[in-house]
């Protein structure tokens, strides 16, 4: 495997671990999970797949996150 591929895998694993840790604190807050995955560099389609939701829903959450900045 190439270094770039390994980095992508590690980034996703870090994001999933963070979500698992946060899920005990706030299971219903999908926006928090989207925020973590976005910070890990995943795009809205990848996040939608991980969270089992539509890409459109994640896109809307991206807009909310961007407004917070």
Protein backbone atom coordinates (compact mmCIF):
# COMPACT_ATOMS: atom_id res chain seq x y z
CA UNK A 1 0.00 0.00 0.00
CA UNK A 2 1.07 3.53 -0.69
CA UNK A 3 1.64 6.13 2.00
CA UNK A 4 -1.28 8.25 0.76
CA UNK A 5 -3.68 5.30 0.99
CA UNK A 6 -2.48 4.46 4.50
CA UNK A 7 -2.95 8.08 5.58
CA UNK A 8 -6.55 8.02 4.32
CA UNK A 9 -7.27 4.85 6.27
CA UNK A 10 -5.74 6.26 9.45
CA UNK A 11 -7.71 9.49 9.06
CA UNK A 12 -10.97 7.56 8.79
CA UNK A 13 -10.12 5.33 11.74
CA UNK A 14 -9.33 8.37 13.89
CA UNK A 15 -12.66 9.91 12.94
CA UNK A 16 -14.61 6.73 13.71
CA UNK A 17 -12.90 6.33 17.07
CA UNK A 18 -13.75 9.93 17.95
CA UNK A 19 -17.39 9.34 17.04
CA UNK A 20 -17.51 6.17 19.10
CA UNK A 21 -16.12 8.04 22.09
CA UNK A 22 -18.56 10.91 21.64
CA UNK A 23 -21.56 8.65 21.07
CA UNK A 24 -21.65 7.73 24.76
CA UNK A 25 -21.92 11.40 25.66
CA UNK A 26 -24.49 12.42 23.06
CA UNK A 27 -25.92 9.63 20.92
CA UNK A 28 -28.50 11.77 19.14
CA UNK A 29 -26.29 14.65 18.04
CA UNK A 30 -25.54 13.84 14.42
CA UNK A 31 -24.21 17.35 13.84
CA UNK A 32 -21.39 16.67 16.31
CA UNK A 33 -20.50 13.49 14.44
CA UNK A 34 -20.54 15.34 11.12
CA UNK A 35 -18.30 18.02 12.62
CA UNK A 36 -15.77 15.36 13.73
CA UNK A 37 -15.78 13.60 10.37
CA UNK A 38 -15.50 16.87 8.47
CA UNK A 39 -12.54 17.89 10.62
CA UNK A 40 -10.94 14.55 9.73
CA UNK A 41 -11.15 15.59 6.09
CA UNK A 42 -13.97 13.38 4.87
CA UNK A 43 -16.33 14.76 2.24
CA UNK A 44 -20.10 14.83 2.56
CA UNK A 45 -20.64 11.63 0.56
CA UNK A 46 -18.22 9.67 2.75
CA UNK A 47 -19.81 11.07 5.91
CA UNK A 48 -23.31 10.22 4.67
CA UNK A 49 -22.20 6.66 4.04
CA UNK A 50 -20.65 6.30 7.51
CA UNK A 51 -23.66 7.82 9.31
CA UNK A 52 -26.22 6.05 7.12
CA UNK A 53 -27.91 9.25 6.02
CA UNK A 54 -28.33 11.13 2.75
CA UNK A 55 -25.57 13.23 1.23
CA UNK A 56 -28.06 16.11 1.08
CA UNK A 57 -28.57 15.98 4.86
CA UNK A 58 -24.83 16.09 5.41
CA UNK A 59 -24.51 18.98 2.96
CA UNK A 60 -27.07 20.94 4.98
CA UNK A 61 -25.11 20.19 8.16
CA UNK A 62 -21.90 21.37 6.45
CA UNK A 63 -23.66 24.69 5.79
CA UNK A 64 -24.64 24.97 9.47
CA UNK A 65 -21.07 24.20 10.54
CA UNK A 66 -19.66 26.79 8.15
CA UNK A 67 -22.08 29.44 9.50
CA UNK A 68 -20.78 28.80 13.02
CA UNK A 69 -17.28 29.95 12.04
